[in-house]
Protein backbone atom coordinates (compact mmCIF):
# COMPACT_ATOMS: atom_id res chain seq x y z
CA MET A 1 7.42 42.95 -11.43
CA LYS A 2 10.18 44.71 -11.09
CA ILE A 3 13.07 44.64 -14.03
CA TYR A 4 16.56 46.32 -13.37
CA VAL A 5 18.33 46.54 -16.81
CA PHE A 6 22.35 47.41 -17.20
CA GLY A 7 24.82 46.42 -19.79
CA THR A 8 23.79 49.57 -22.23
CA ARG A 9 24.84 52.91 -21.89
CA GLY A 10 21.28 53.94 -21.68
CA PHE A 11 18.69 56.00 -24.38
CA PRO A 12 17.52 57.84 -25.75
CA ASN A 13 19.82 59.42 -28.23
CA ILE A 14 22.72 57.61 -27.29
CA GLN A 15 24.66 55.76 -30.06
CA GLY A 16 24.67 52.28 -30.30
CA GLY A 17 23.29 48.81 -31.51
CA VAL A 18 22.64 47.59 -27.90
CA GLU A 19 21.06 51.01 -27.02
CA LYS A 20 18.62 51.18 -29.98
CA HIS A 21 18.12 47.49 -28.88
CA CYS A 22 16.87 48.57 -25.50
CA GLU A 23 14.98 51.93 -26.43
CA GLU A 24 12.85 49.75 -28.51
CA LEU A 25 12.34 46.83 -26.39
CA TYR A 26 11.62 48.66 -22.88
CA THR A 27 9.33 51.36 -24.19
CA SER A 28 7.23 48.38 -25.92
CA MET A 29 7.06 46.68 -22.33
CA SER A 30 7.24 49.76 -19.71
CA ASP A 31 2.81 49.54 -19.72
CA THR A 32 3.64 45.73 -18.27
CA TYR A 33 6.52 46.29 -16.08
CA GLU A 34 8.13 48.32 -13.68
CA ILE A 35 11.34 49.01 -15.75
CA THR A 36 14.58 50.74 -13.88
CA VAL A 37 17.32 51.40 -16.72
CA PHE A 38 20.84 52.05 -15.63
CA ARG A 39 22.52 54.75 -17.66
CA ARG A 40 26.38 55.79 -17.82
CA LYS A 41 26.66 59.54 -16.87
CA PRO A 42 28.95 60.52 -19.33
CA PHE A 43 26.72 59.86 -22.04
CA VAL A 44 23.32 61.26 -20.37
CA LYS A 45 22.10 63.95 -22.51
CA SER A 46 18.00 63.69 -20.93
CA ASN A 47 16.15 63.68 -17.90
CA THR A 48 15.81 60.64 -15.45
CA THR A 49 12.11 59.19 -16.69
CA TYR A 50 11.36 58.15 -20.68
CA LYS A 51 8.24 56.78 -21.53
CA LYS A 52 7.10 55.35 -18.43
CA ILE A 53 10.78 54.13 -17.58
CA HIS A 54 12.90 55.22 -14.85
CA PHE A 55 16.61 55.88 -15.11
CA ILE A 56 19.79 55.63 -12.54
CA ASP A 57 22.51 57.53 -14.02
CA LEU A 58 25.75 56.16 -12.35
CA PRO A 59 29.34 57.02 -12.68
CA THR A 60 31.70 55.73 -15.11
CA VAL A 61 34.95 56.59 -16.97
CA LYS A 62 35.08 57.09 -20.75
CA THR A 63 38.05 54.59 -20.94
CA LYS A 64 37.83 51.79 -23.15
CA GLY A 65 37.94 48.80 -21.00
CA LEU A 66 37.13 50.06 -18.00
CA GLU A 67 33.68 51.84 -18.80
CA ALA A 68 31.51 49.06 -18.85
CA PHE A 69 33.43 46.97 -15.92
CA LEU A 70 33.11 50.02 -13.85
CA HIS A 71 29.32 51.01 -14.11
CA SER A 72 28.38 47.24 -14.33
CA PHE A 73 29.76 46.77 -10.50
CA LEU A 74 28.04 49.82 -9.31
CA CYS A 75 24.92 48.82 -10.82
CA VAL A 76 25.30 45.33 -9.62
CA LEU A 77 25.52 46.89 -5.96
CA TYR A 78 22.42 49.04 -6.71
CA CYS A 79 20.46 45.57 -7.16
CA ILE A 80 21.78 43.59 -4.49
CA ILE A 81 20.37 46.39 -2.42
CA LYS A 82 17.00 47.12 -4.23
CA ARG A 83 16.29 43.11 -5.22
CA PRO A 84 14.56 43.83 -8.37
CA ASP A 85 11.70 40.47 -9.34
CA ILE A 86 14.38 40.28 -12.50
CA THR A 87 17.80 41.81 -13.22
CA HIS A 88 18.47 42.19 -17.50
CA VAL A 89 22.08 42.32 -18.13
CA HIS A 90 23.13 43.07 -21.71
CA ASN A 91 26.36 41.62 -23.08
CA ILE A 92 29.15 39.20 -22.18
CA GLY A 93 31.37 41.71 -19.90
CA PRO A 94 28.71 43.15 -17.41
CA GLY A 95 27.84 39.52 -17.06
CA LEU A 96 30.94 38.97 -15.02
CA PHE A 97 28.93 40.11 -12.43
CA ILE A 98 26.21 38.00 -12.36
CA PRO A 99 27.48 35.25 -10.10
CA LEU A 100 27.07 38.16 -7.28
CA LEU A 101 23.76 38.80 -8.24
CA LYS A 102 22.96 34.82 -7.74
CA MET A 103 24.76 34.72 -4.46
CA VAL A 104 22.04 36.69 -2.88
CA GLY A 105 19.19 34.88 -4.72
CA LEU A 106 18.21 36.92 -7.46
CA LYS A 107 16.76 36.46 -10.85
CA VAL A 108 19.05 36.96 -13.79
CA VAL A 109 17.91 37.11 -17.38
CA LEU A 110 21.21 37.80 -20.01
CA THR A 111 21.25 38.76 -23.67
CA TYR A 112 23.60 37.79 -25.80
CA HIS A 113 24.37 40.43 -28.49
CA SER A 114 27.65 39.31 -29.79
CA PRO A 115 31.12 37.60 -29.32
CA ASN A 116 32.88 41.16 -28.37
CA TYR A 117 36.19 39.15 -28.14
CA GLU A 118 35.93 39.02 -31.56
CA HIS A 119 36.21 42.99 -31.80
CA SER A 120 39.97 43.82 -33.33
CA LYS A 121 39.95 46.82 -30.85
CA TRP A 122 40.88 44.87 -27.76
CA SER A 123 44.07 43.41 -26.93
CA TYR A 124 44.93 39.90 -27.05
CA LEU A 125 44.50 39.92 -22.92
CA ALA A 126 41.05 41.99 -23.27
CA LYS A 127 39.84 39.01 -25.32
CA LYS A 128 40.87 36.44 -23.06
CA GLY A 129 39.30 38.41 -20.36
CA LEU A 130 35.85 38.70 -22.47
CA LYS A 131 36.00 34.75 -22.89
CA ILE A 132 36.01 34.41 -19.16
CA CYS A 133 32.85 36.84 -18.45
CA GLU A 134 31.31 34.96 -21.60
CA PHE A 135 31.70 31.43 -19.65
CA ILE A 136 30.96 33.23 -16.50
CA ALA A 137 27.80 35.21 -17.75
CA THR A 138 26.08 32.12 -19.56
CA LYS A 139 26.86 29.47 -17.19
CA GLY A 140 25.13 31.93 -14.48
CA ALA A 141 22.23 33.54 -15.75
CA ASP A 142 18.88 31.63 -15.26
CA LYS A 143 17.90 32.78 -19.10
CA ILE A 144 20.04 33.52 -21.73
CA ILE A 145 18.50 35.75 -25.28
CA PHE A 146 20.52 35.48 -27.96
CA VAL A 147 19.78 37.63 -30.81
CA ASN A 148 21.73 35.54 -33.32
CA LYS A 149 20.45 32.15 -34.01
CA ILE A 150 23.68 30.83 -34.78
CA GLN A 151 25.81 32.21 -31.99
CA LEU A 152 23.29 30.06 -29.60
CA GLN A 153 23.82 26.86 -31.52
CA LYS A 154 27.46 27.43 -31.22
CA PHE A 155 27.07 26.71 -26.88
CA ASN A 156 26.41 23.09 -25.32
CA PRO A 157 23.25 21.55 -24.71
CA VAL A 158 23.45 22.76 -21.09
CA ILE A 159 23.47 26.48 -22.09
CA GLN A 160 21.16 25.44 -25.06
CA ALA A 161 18.65 24.05 -22.76
CA LYS A 162 18.17 27.80 -20.76
CA SER A 163 18.49 29.78 -23.97
CA VAL A 164 16.24 31.25 -26.69
CA HIS A 165 16.84 32.72 -29.81
CA ILE A 166 14.83 36.43 -29.99
CA PRO A 167 16.56 38.79 -32.87
CA ASN A 168 15.96 42.53 -32.92
CA GLY A 169 13.28 44.07 -34.40
CA ILE A 170 11.50 46.85 -36.22
CA LYS A 171 9.20 49.22 -36.30
CA LYS A 172 6.92 51.13 -38.76
CA LYS A 173 8.58 52.80 -41.62
CA LYS A 174 8.10 56.15 -41.12
CA GLU A 175 7.06 58.11 -44.15
CA ILE A 176 9.13 60.69 -45.44
CA LYS A 177 8.15 63.30 -48.17
CA ASP A 178 10.70 66.51 -46.96
CA ASN A 179 14.08 66.28 -47.95
CA SER A 180 15.36 68.94 -46.64
CA PHE A 181 17.31 67.82 -43.73
CA ILE A 182 19.73 66.06 -46.42
CA LYS A 183 20.04 68.90 -48.43
CA SER A 184 21.02 70.42 -45.56
CA LEU A 185 24.37 67.80 -45.36
CA GLY A 186 24.70 68.90 -49.41
CA LEU A 187 23.01 65.60 -50.62
CA SER A 188 20.44 65.05 -53.25
CA PRO A 189 17.99 62.37 -53.29
CA PHE A 190 19.06 58.86 -54.02
CA GLN A 191 22.59 60.27 -54.81
CA TYR A 192 24.35 58.86 -52.10
CA ILE A 193 25.34 55.47 -50.63
CA LEU A 194 24.68 55.42 -46.98
CA SER A 195 26.47 53.75 -44.13
CA VAL A 196 25.72 53.56 -40.07
CA GLY A 197 27.48 52.41 -37.16
CA ARG A 198 30.06 53.74 -34.55
CA ILE A 199 33.67 54.91 -35.58
CA THR A 200 35.32 51.36 -34.84
CA PRO A 201 37.48 49.21 -36.42
CA GLU A 202 35.04 46.47 -36.23
CA LYS A 203 32.81 48.29 -38.72
CA GLY A 204 35.03 48.67 -41.86
CA PHE A 205 34.35 51.96 -42.64
CA ASP A 206 38.15 52.41 -43.45
CA TYR A 207 37.92 49.78 -46.52
CA LEU A 208 34.43 51.11 -47.60
CA ILE A 209 36.39 54.72 -48.10
CA LYS A 210 38.98 52.92 -49.83
CA ALA A 211 36.65 50.77 -51.75
CA TYR A 212 34.53 54.50 -52.40
CA ASN A 213 37.90 56.14 -53.80
CA LEU A 214 38.33 53.75 -56.88
CA ILE A 215 34.78 54.03 -58.19
CA LYS A 216 34.67 55.82 -61.01
CA ASN A 217 31.13 57.61 -60.66
CA LYS A 218 31.75 60.59 -58.27
CA SER A 219 28.17 62.37 -58.95
CA ILE A 220 27.25 59.72 -55.79
CA LYS A 221 28.44 60.52 -52.33
CA LEU A 222 29.03 58.31 -49.50
CA VAL A 223 27.85 59.20 -46.08
CA ILE A 224 28.79 57.49 -42.94
CA ALA A 225 26.65 58.09 -39.96
CA GLY A 226 28.31 57.81 -36.92
CA GLY A 227 30.05 59.06 -33.91
CA CYS A 228 33.57 58.22 -32.49
CA ASP A 229 33.65 55.39 -29.52
CA HIS A 230 36.60 56.79 -27.59
CA SER A 231 39.09 59.14 -28.87
CA SER A 232 41.57 56.70 -31.21
CA ALA A 233 44.29 56.52 -33.59
CA TYR A 234 41.77 54.94 -36.06
CA ALA A 235 39.09 57.55 -35.34
CA LYS A 236 41.15 60.17 -36.09
CA GLN A 237 43.07 58.43 -39.31
CA LEU A 238 39.64 57.87 -40.30
CA ILE A 239 38.49 61.39 -39.87
CA HIS A 240 41.58 62.44 -41.92
CA GLU A 241 40.62 59.51 -44.95
CA ALA A 242 36.92 60.98 -44.84
CA ASP A 243 37.88 64.55 -45.64
CA LYS A 244 40.28 64.15 -48.27
CA SER A 245 38.38 61.74 -50.13
CA GLN A 246 35.43 64.31 -49.34
CA VAL A 247 33.43 61.42 -47.42
CA ILE A 248 30.14 62.72 -45.45
CA LEU A 249 30.79 62.12 -41.61
CA THR A 250 27.67 63.02 -40.26
CA ASN A 251 28.58 62.06 -36.21
CA TYR A 252 25.89 61.02 -34.09
CA MET A 253 22.32 60.97 -35.86
CA ASN A 254 18.82 60.55 -33.87
CA GLU A 255 16.06 58.44 -35.31
CA GLU A 256 14.26 61.10 -36.82
CA GLN A 257 17.57 62.15 -39.01
CA LEU A 258 18.06 58.51 -39.37
CA ASN A 259 14.66 58.07 -41.16
CA HIS A 260 15.19 61.12 -43.49
CA LEU A 261 18.76 59.50 -44.15
CA TYR A 262 17.39 55.94 -44.68
CA THR A 263 14.32 57.50 -46.88
CA TYR A 264 17.04 58.90 -49.32
CA ALA A 265 19.39 56.78 -49.63
CA ARG A 266 20.65 54.92 -53.11
CA LEU A 267 22.50 51.95 -51.80
CA PHE A 268 23.54 51.20 -47.79
CA VAL A 269 26.35 49.64 -47.16
CA LEU A 270 27.49 47.32 -44.04
CA PRO A 271 30.72 46.45 -44.07
CA SER A 272 31.44 44.91 -40.93
CA PHE A 273 33.76 42.62 -39.39
CA ASN A 274 31.84 41.77 -36.62
CA GLU A 275 27.96 41.67 -36.00
CA GLY A 276 25.51 40.33 -33.10
CA TYR A 277 22.63 40.98 -35.18
CA PRO A 278 22.28 43.80 -37.04
CA ILE A 279 19.64 46.26 -36.65
CA VAL A 280 21.07 48.96 -38.91
CA LEU A 281 20.93 46.05 -41.76
CA ILE A 282 17.14 45.34 -40.83
CA GLU A 283 16.53 48.92 -40.71
CA ALA A 284 17.86 49.04 -44.60
CA ILE A 285 15.55 46.27 -45.54
CA ASN A 286 12.41 47.90 -43.75
CA TYR A 287 13.35 51.01 -45.81
CA GLN A 288 13.30 48.90 -48.97
CA LYS A 289 17.14 49.81 -50.07
CA PRO A 290 19.15 48.15 -52.58
CA ILE A 291 21.67 46.53 -49.66
CA LEU A 292 25.48 45.53 -49.85
CA ALA A 293 27.05 43.57 -46.59
CA SER A 294 30.10 41.84 -45.79
CA ASN A 295 29.49 38.05 -46.04
CA ILE A 296 30.17 37.61 -42.03
CA GLU A 297 28.13 34.72 -40.49
CA ALA A 298 25.64 37.71 -38.95
CA ASN A 299 24.90 39.34 -42.19
CA LYS A 300 24.55 36.44 -43.89
CA SER A 301 21.99 34.90 -41.68
CA ILE A 302 19.85 38.01 -42.22
CA GLY A 303 19.46 36.43 -45.73
CA LEU A 304 19.90 38.48 -48.21
CA ALA A 305 20.38 37.32 -51.83
CA LYS A 306 23.71 35.63 -52.97
CA GLU A 307 24.84 39.12 -55.26
CA GLN A 308 23.96 41.08 -52.20
CA TYR A 309 27.24 40.05 -50.11
CA PHE A 310 30.73 41.00 -50.71
CA GLU A 311 33.83 39.30 -49.22
CA VAL A 312 34.82 40.97 -46.34
CA GLY A 313 37.38 43.53 -45.92
CA SER A 314 37.95 43.08 -49.71
CA VAL A 315 38.04 46.75 -50.83
CA ASN A 316 37.98 45.46 -54.24
CA ASP A 317 35.20 43.18 -54.34
CA LEU A 318 33.55 45.85 -52.51
CA LYS A 319 34.29 48.57 -55.14
CA ASN A 320 32.92 46.07 -58.14
CA LYS A 321 29.61 45.82 -56.25
CA ILE A 322 29.30 48.99 -55.41
CA GLU A 323 29.77 50.18 -59.33
CA ASN A 324 27.41 47.58 -60.48
CA GLU A 325 24.73 48.71 -58.46
CA ILE A 326 24.89 52.14 -58.67
CA ASN A 327 24.88 51.68 -62.57
CA LYS A 328 21.68 50.14 -62.14
CA GLU A 329 18.56 52.13 -62.15
CA TYR A 330 17.32 52.80 -58.79
CA THR A 331 14.26 51.09 -57.44
CA ASP A 332 12.67 50.20 -53.99
CA ILE A 333 13.27 46.37 -53.25
CA ILE A 334 10.87 44.05 -51.54
CA TYR A 335 12.25 42.02 -49.17
CA ASN A 336 10.67 38.34 -48.58
CA ILE A 337 12.36 38.51 -45.18
CA ASN A 338 10.32 38.17 -42.04
CA ILE A 339 11.41 40.55 -39.19
CA PRO A 340 9.27 40.77 -36.40
CA THR A 341 8.07 43.59 -34.73
CA TRP A 342 9.72 44.94 -31.20
CA LYS A 343 5.89 44.35 -30.00
CA GLU A 344 6.36 40.81 -30.79
CA ILE A 345 9.84 40.76 -29.48
CA ALA A 346 8.86 42.39 -26.19
CA ASN A 347 6.18 39.93 -25.51
CA LEU A 348 8.46 36.70 -26.33
CA VAL A 349 10.81 38.86 -23.63
CA THR A 350 7.56 38.65 -21.50
CA ASN A 351 7.27 34.83 -21.78
CA ILE A 352 11.14 34.90 -20.38
CA TYR A 353 10.63 36.90 -17.41
CA SER A 354 7.64 34.88 -16.43
CA GLN A 355 10.12 31.59 -17.09
CA ALA A 356 13.01 33.40 -15.07
CA ALA A 357 10.59 34.16 -11.83
CA ASN A 358 9.32 31.00 -11.23
């Protein structure tokens, strides 16, 4: 069975939750299917094959609003010509083109990662456009995978009937015993707060920095591991505030580097305003880190203890919660949260492909 995939910038070593999802999922399936992933040329840093996965790199522009639209349209034309057994589309924006795939008789699976129209970076018209994309994509797809169960439950019975909840997963935690990498960043083991994600407004790093500036214990550093999505006034301002506050912005970190950062973090904080099913949060759980997360729906669906959540956007609440955590003696936390492995998730997606193909 031939599977074609678009709606992601690609992988490996390309930042993003959807990119991480696709890398872990498809590398867990590449022994079963012939998988081709369409990547966006401006972000590509590697060869055209990776762990039995074939890549097709198509052009696009690094312009907010046009990047995904242009690339997805080119992907659809390619799929129409090559006619794979399954076309797997990630995200509701690229899902706009699903009717074109259906018109020529192709089978389509959609993965709904998050309601992108809730992101503050989009204009009013862009948000309305994404809502239209959501309607078209969910109506047109043969099967839909929701990474967040709560999001699935918001849809009507017709959509729910062809949908399934399959969350993001984890893989075995890598044991790190060498702390030379974090020392190269000017850090000491268990003496820093870690947050991970793209430098975009919906991630809430601006108010995390404000909360950090208010804490009294300055021996604890703040590390934000993530690169800038697009050049923007927000990113420039955040970089300025981080520099002024002596916050460490690492830019993009690969998997190995993140393993080191998670291992030696004193506390993990996720201050997001919007998430789908946050991979960085379940990775922090996998590394048994003390965690604080904003009380948005997606984060609460993970099932942390009540005291581990703070009011989203509240500088004071976050500051108080951080101080409470770093004043405790550090200890790993054993979480009673069932998170499937990527291999288990791959098996579930395999079942979806079989259903869609029939």
